Amino acid sequence: MSADLPVVLSPGGGAVRIPIRVVPRASRTTVGGVRDGRLLVRVTAPPVDRAANDAAVSALAGALDVPPRSVSIVSGATARNKTVEVRGLTAVDVAARIRPLCEAAP
């Protein structure tokens, strides 16, 4: 997408895919920072019964200012490294909204 964005966005099919890394059982839920080209999503939920996935989707939706139904996990449901798909925003919109998150201190 953008050369200065440390996360590679994949637009297509009316959605934008974002690589994320979920850190379960964090002390607080936050979205920010980048590790290995993936946006970090820290959640307090444990990785049990989809709790961490649901919390990650909710946190990311809040950070991007979209409804949670607009964010879905498309790969990596049982792994820490996941790919999420965001519907309702263009790649330019997503890039603008995650740029400050990528620059946030981990």
N, C-alpha and C. Protein backbone atom coordinates (compact mmCIF):
# COMPACT_ATOMS: atom_id res chain seq x y z
N MET A 1 0.84 -1.19 0.00
CA MET A 1 0.00 0.00 0.00
C MET A 1 0.87 1.23 0.00
N SER A 2 1.32 1.69 1.15
CA SER A 2 2.15 2.88 1.25
C SER A 2 3.55 2.48 1.67
N ALA A 3 4.54 3.07 1.02
CA ALA A 3 5.92 2.69 1.28
C ALA A 3 6.35 3.03 2.71
N ASP A 4 5.75 4.06 3.31
CA ASP A 4 6.17 4.44 4.65
C ASP A 4 5.37 3.76 5.75
N LEU A 5 4.45 2.90 5.41
CA LEU A 5 3.65 2.17 6.39
C LEU A 5 4.33 0.84 6.68
N PRO A 6 4.65 0.53 7.95
CA PRO A 6 5.37 -0.70 8.26
C PRO A 6 4.54 -1.97 8.18
N VAL A 7 3.26 -1.84 7.91
CA VAL A 7 2.35 -2.98 7.76
C VAL A 7 1.86 -3.00 6.33
N VAL A 8 1.92 -4.15 5.69
CA VAL A 8 1.48 -4.27 4.29
C VAL A 8 -0.02 -4.55 4.27
N LEU A 9 -0.77 -3.65 3.66
CA LEU A 9 -2.22 -3.81 3.52
C LEU A 9 -2.51 -4.46 2.18
N SER A 10 -3.52 -5.33 2.15
CA SER A 10 -3.90 -6.00 0.92
C SER A 10 -5.35 -5.67 0.59
N PRO A 11 -5.58 -4.68 -0.28
CA PRO A 11 -6.95 -4.34 -0.66
C PRO A 11 -7.48 -5.30 -1.72
N GLY A 12 -8.79 -5.45 -1.75
CA GLY A 12 -9.41 -6.27 -2.79
C GLY A 12 -10.76 -6.79 -2.36
N GLY A 13 -11.65 -6.90 -3.32
CA GLY A 13 -12.98 -7.45 -3.04
C GLY A 13 -13.80 -6.63 -2.08
N GLY A 14 -13.61 -5.32 -2.07
CA GLY A 14 -14.40 -4.48 -1.18
C GLY A 14 -13.94 -4.52 0.27
N ALA A 15 -12.75 -5.06 0.52
CA ALA A 15 -12.23 -5.15 1.88
C ALA A 15 -10.72 -4.90 1.86
N VAL A 16 -10.17 -4.71 3.03
CA VAL A 16 -8.73 -4.52 3.18
C VAL A 16 -8.24 -5.52 4.22
N ARG A 17 -7.20 -6.26 3.88
CA ARG A 17 -6.63 -7.24 4.82
C ARG A 17 -5.43 -6.63 5.53
N ILE A 18 -5.37 -6.89 6.84
CA ILE A 18 -4.31 -6.37 7.69
C ILE A 18 -3.68 -7.52 8.45
N PRO A 19 -2.35 -7.66 8.39
CA PRO A 19 -1.70 -8.68 9.22
C PRO A 19 -1.57 -8.17 10.65
N ILE A 20 -1.98 -8.98 11.62
CA ILE A 20 -1.89 -8.59 13.02
C ILE A 20 -1.20 -9.69 13.82
N ARG A 21 -0.72 -9.32 14.99
CA ARG A 21 -0.21 -10.29 15.95
C ARG A 21 -0.96 -10.03 17.24
N VAL A 22 -1.65 -11.06 17.73
CA VAL A 22 -2.43 -10.94 18.95
C VAL A 22 -1.59 -11.42 20.13
N VAL A 23 -1.58 -10.61 21.18
CA VAL A 23 -0.88 -10.96 22.41
C VAL A 23 -1.95 -11.13 23.49
N PRO A 24 -2.33 -12.38 23.80
CA PRO A 24 -3.36 -12.61 24.82
C PRO A 24 -2.80 -12.43 26.23
N ARG A 25 -3.70 -12.30 27.18
CA ARG A 25 -3.36 -12.15 28.60
C ARG A 25 -2.44 -10.96 28.87
N ALA A 26 -2.63 -9.90 28.12
CA ALA A 26 -1.86 -8.68 28.35
C ALA A 26 -2.43 -7.96 29.57
N SER A 27 -1.69 -7.03 30.10
CA SER A 27 -2.18 -6.30 31.28
C SER A 27 -3.32 -5.35 30.94
N ARG A 28 -3.37 -4.92 29.65
CA ARG A 28 -4.48 -4.08 29.20
C ARG A 28 -4.68 -4.29 27.71
N THR A 29 -5.84 -3.97 27.22
CA THR A 29 -6.14 -4.11 25.80
C THR A 29 -5.71 -2.84 25.06
N THR A 30 -4.83 -3.03 24.08
CA THR A 30 -4.35 -1.90 23.28
C THR A 30 -4.08 -2.36 21.85
N VAL A 31 -4.15 -1.42 20.95
CA VAL A 31 -3.77 -1.66 19.56
C VAL A 31 -2.68 -0.65 19.25
N GLY A 32 -1.50 -1.14 18.92
CA GLY A 32 -0.42 -0.22 18.60
C GLY A 32 0.93 -0.90 18.59
N GLY A 33 1.79 -0.37 17.76
CA GLY A 33 3.11 -0.93 17.59
C GLY A 33 3.11 -1.96 16.46
N VAL A 34 4.30 -2.33 16.03
CA VAL A 34 4.46 -3.29 14.95
C VAL A 34 5.54 -4.28 15.35
N ARG A 35 5.29 -5.55 15.08
CA ARG A 35 6.29 -6.59 15.28
C ARG A 35 6.30 -7.48 14.04
N ASP A 36 7.46 -7.59 13.42
CA ASP A 36 7.63 -8.44 12.23
C ASP A 36 6.61 -8.12 11.15
N GLY A 37 6.34 -6.83 10.93
CA GLY A 37 5.43 -6.42 9.87
C GLY A 37 3.96 -6.63 10.18
N ARG A 38 3.64 -6.86 11.44
CA ARG A 38 2.25 -7.08 11.86
C ARG A 38 1.86 -6.07 12.93
N LEU A 39 0.65 -5.55 12.83
CA LEU A 39 0.12 -4.62 13.82
C LEU A 39 -0.13 -5.40 15.11
N LEU A 40 0.35 -4.90 16.23
CA LEU A 40 0.17 -5.58 17.51
C LEU A 40 -1.19 -5.25 18.12
N VAL A 41 -1.88 -6.29 18.54
CA VAL A 41 -3.15 -6.15 19.23
C VAL A 41 -3.02 -6.92 20.54
N ARG A 42 -2.93 -6.18 21.64
CA ARG A 42 -2.82 -6.81 22.95
C ARG A 42 -4.21 -6.87 23.58
N VAL A 43 -4.55 -8.03 24.14
CA VAL A 43 -5.87 -8.20 24.76
C VAL A 43 -5.70 -8.85 26.12
N THR A 44 -6.59 -8.53 27.03
CA THR A 44 -6.53 -9.12 28.37
C THR A 44 -7.12 -10.52 28.39
N ALA A 45 -7.88 -10.87 27.40
CA ALA A 45 -8.55 -12.17 27.35
C ALA A 45 -7.54 -13.31 27.14
N PRO A 46 -7.84 -14.49 27.69
CA PRO A 46 -6.98 -15.64 27.45
C PRO A 46 -7.31 -16.28 26.10
N PRO A 47 -6.39 -17.06 25.55
CA PRO A 47 -6.64 -17.70 24.25
C PRO A 47 -7.47 -18.97 24.40
N VAL A 48 -8.64 -18.83 24.99
CA VAL A 48 -9.52 -19.97 25.26
C VAL A 48 -10.90 -19.67 24.70
N ASP A 49 -11.48 -20.63 24.00
CA ASP A 49 -12.86 -20.51 23.49
C ASP A 49 -13.08 -19.21 22.71
N ARG A 50 -12.16 -18.85 21.85
CA ARG A 50 -12.25 -17.68 20.98
C ARG A 50 -12.27 -16.35 21.73
N ALA A 51 -12.03 -16.37 23.02
CA ALA A 51 -12.09 -15.12 23.80
C ALA A 51 -11.06 -14.11 23.30
N ALA A 52 -9.84 -14.53 23.06
CA ALA A 52 -8.81 -13.60 22.58
C ALA A 52 -9.14 -13.11 21.17
N ASN A 53 -9.64 -13.98 20.31
CA ASN A 53 -10.02 -13.57 18.96
C ASN A 53 -11.13 -12.52 19.00
N ASP A 54 -12.15 -12.79 19.79
CA ASP A 54 -13.27 -11.85 19.90
C ASP A 54 -12.81 -10.50 20.45
N ALA A 55 -11.92 -10.54 21.46
CA ALA A 55 -11.40 -9.32 22.04
C ALA A 55 -10.54 -8.56 21.04
N ALA A 56 -9.75 -9.29 20.24
CA ALA A 56 -8.90 -8.65 19.23
C ALA A 56 -9.75 -7.97 18.16
N VAL A 57 -10.79 -8.64 17.71
CA VAL A 57 -11.68 -8.05 16.70
C VAL A 57 -12.34 -6.79 17.26
N SER A 58 -12.80 -6.87 18.49
CA SER A 58 -13.44 -5.71 19.11
C SER A 58 -12.46 -4.55 19.28
N ALA A 59 -11.25 -4.85 19.73
CA ALA A 59 -10.25 -3.80 19.93
C ALA A 59 -9.85 -3.15 18.61
N LEU A 60 -9.66 -3.97 17.59
CA LEU A 60 -9.27 -3.44 16.29
C LEU A 60 -10.40 -2.60 15.68
N ALA A 61 -11.63 -3.07 15.83
CA ALA A 61 -12.78 -2.31 15.32
C ALA A 61 -12.86 -0.95 16.02
N GLY A 62 -12.64 -0.94 17.31
CA GLY A 62 -12.66 0.32 18.04
C GLY A 62 -11.54 1.26 17.59
N ALA A 63 -10.36 0.70 17.37
CA ALA A 63 -9.22 1.52 16.95
C ALA A 63 -9.42 2.09 15.55
N LEU A 64 -10.11 1.34 14.69
CA LEU A 64 -10.35 1.79 13.32
C LEU A 64 -11.66 2.56 13.18
N ASP A 65 -12.43 2.64 14.27
CA ASP A 65 -13.71 3.34 14.29
C ASP A 65 -14.70 2.75 13.28
N VAL A 66 -14.82 1.42 13.32
CA VAL A 66 -15.80 0.70 12.51
C VAL A 66 -16.56 -0.24 13.43
N PRO A 67 -17.75 -0.69 13.04
CA PRO A 67 -18.46 -1.65 13.88
C PRO A 67 -17.73 -2.99 13.89
N PRO A 68 -17.79 -3.74 15.00
CA PRO A 68 -17.11 -5.04 15.07
C PRO A 68 -17.52 -6.00 13.95
N ARG A 69 -18.73 -5.89 13.46
CA ARG A 69 -19.17 -6.79 12.38
C ARG A 69 -18.41 -6.53 11.07
N SER A 70 -17.72 -5.39 10.99
CA SER A 70 -16.94 -5.06 9.79
C SER A 70 -15.55 -5.68 9.80
N VAL A 71 -15.15 -6.27 10.92
CA VAL A 71 -13.82 -6.86 11.07
C VAL A 71 -13.98 -8.36 11.26
N SER A 72 -13.26 -9.14 10.48
CA SER A 72 -13.31 -10.59 10.65
C SER A 72 -11.92 -11.18 10.46
N ILE A 73 -11.68 -12.28 11.16
CA ILE A 73 -10.41 -12.99 11.03
C ILE A 73 -10.54 -13.93 9.84
N VAL A 74 -9.63 -13.79 8.87
CA VAL A 74 -9.71 -14.63 7.67
C VAL A 74 -8.64 -15.71 7.64
N SER A 75 -7.60 -15.57 8.47
CA SER A 75 -6.63 -16.66 8.59
C SER A 75 -5.92 -16.55 9.93
N GLY A 76 -5.49 -17.70 10.44
CA GLY A 76 -4.76 -17.74 11.70
C GLY A 76 -5.63 -17.75 12.93
N ALA A 77 -6.83 -18.29 12.84
CA ALA A 77 -7.76 -18.27 13.97
C ALA A 77 -7.20 -18.92 15.23
N THR A 78 -6.31 -19.90 15.08
CA THR A 78 -5.75 -20.57 16.25
C THR A 78 -4.29 -20.20 16.50
N ALA A 79 -3.80 -19.19 15.80
CA ALA A 79 -2.40 -18.76 15.95
C ALA A 79 -2.36 -17.32 16.44
N ARG A 80 -1.20 -16.90 16.89
CA ARG A 80 -1.05 -15.50 17.31
C ARG A 80 -0.99 -14.57 16.10
N ASN A 81 -0.36 -15.04 15.03
CA ASN A 81 -0.31 -14.26 13.79
C ASN A 81 -1.58 -14.51 13.00
N LYS A 82 -2.30 -13.45 12.72
CA LYS A 82 -3.60 -13.56 12.04
C LYS A 82 -3.66 -12.55 10.91
N THR A 83 -4.60 -12.76 10.02
CA THR A 83 -4.93 -11.78 9.02
C THR A 83 -6.40 -11.44 9.21
N VAL A 84 -6.68 -10.15 9.35
CA VAL A 84 -8.06 -9.71 9.50
C VAL A 84 -8.48 -8.96 8.25
N GLU A 85 -9.76 -8.99 8.01
CA GLU A 85 -10.33 -8.29 6.86
C GLU A 85 -11.26 -7.22 7.40
N VAL A 86 -11.10 -6.01 6.88
CA VAL A 86 -11.94 -4.88 7.29
C VAL A 86 -12.78 -4.46 6.10
N ARG A 87 -14.09 -4.47 6.27
CA ARG A 87 -15.01 -4.06 5.22
C ARG A 87 -15.55 -2.67 5.54
N GLY A 88 -15.88 -1.93 4.49
CA GLY A 88 -16.47 -0.62 4.69
C GLY A 88 -15.49 0.52 4.64
N LEU A 89 -14.21 0.24 4.51
CA LEU A 89 -13.19 1.27 4.39
C LEU A 89 -12.32 0.98 3.18
N THR A 90 -11.79 2.03 2.58
CA THR A 90 -10.85 1.83 1.48
C THR A 90 -9.46 1.61 2.08
N ALA A 91 -8.53 1.15 1.25
CA ALA A 91 -7.16 0.93 1.70
C ALA A 91 -6.54 2.24 2.17
N VAL A 92 -6.88 3.34 1.52
CA VAL A 92 -6.35 4.65 1.91
C VAL A 92 -6.87 5.03 3.30
N ASP A 93 -8.16 4.76 3.55
CA ASP A 93 -8.75 5.06 4.86
C ASP A 93 -8.08 4.22 5.95
N VAL A 94 -7.91 2.93 5.68
CA VAL A 94 -7.29 2.04 6.67
C VAL A 94 -5.86 2.49 6.94
N ALA A 95 -5.12 2.81 5.89
CA ALA A 95 -3.74 3.26 6.07
C ALA A 95 -3.68 4.51 6.94
N ALA A 96 -4.57 5.45 6.70
CA ALA A 96 -4.59 6.68 7.48
C ALA A 96 -4.92 6.41 8.94
N ARG A 97 -5.79 5.44 9.19
CA ARG A 97 -6.21 5.15 10.56
C ARG A 97 -5.19 4.29 11.32
N ILE A 98 -4.45 3.44 10.62
CA ILE A 98 -3.49 2.61 11.36
C ILE A 98 -2.09 3.23 11.44
N ARG A 99 -1.82 4.24 10.61
CA ARG A 99 -0.49 4.87 10.65
C ARG A 99 -0.13 5.32 12.07
N PRO A 100 -1.01 6.07 12.79
CA PRO A 100 -0.64 6.46 14.14
C PRO A 100 -0.53 5.26 15.10
N LEU A 101 -1.29 4.21 14.83
CA LEU A 101 -1.22 3.01 15.67
C LEU A 101 0.11 2.30 15.48
N CYS A 102 0.61 2.28 14.27
CA CYS A 102 1.89 1.63 13.98
C CYS A 102 3.03 2.36 14.67
N GLU A 103 2.88 3.66 14.81
CA GLU A 103 3.94 4.47 15.42
C GLU A 103 3.86 4.48 16.93
N ALA A 104 2.77 3.94 17.48
CA ALA A 104 2.60 3.91 18.93
C ALA A 104 3.65 3.01 19.57
N ALA A 105 4.09 3.40 20.74
CA ALA A 105 5.09 2.59 21.45
C ALA A 105 4.48 1.26 21.86
N PRO A 106 5.23 0.18 21.70
CA PRO A 106 4.69 -1.14 22.09
C PRO A 106 4.49 -1.29 23.56
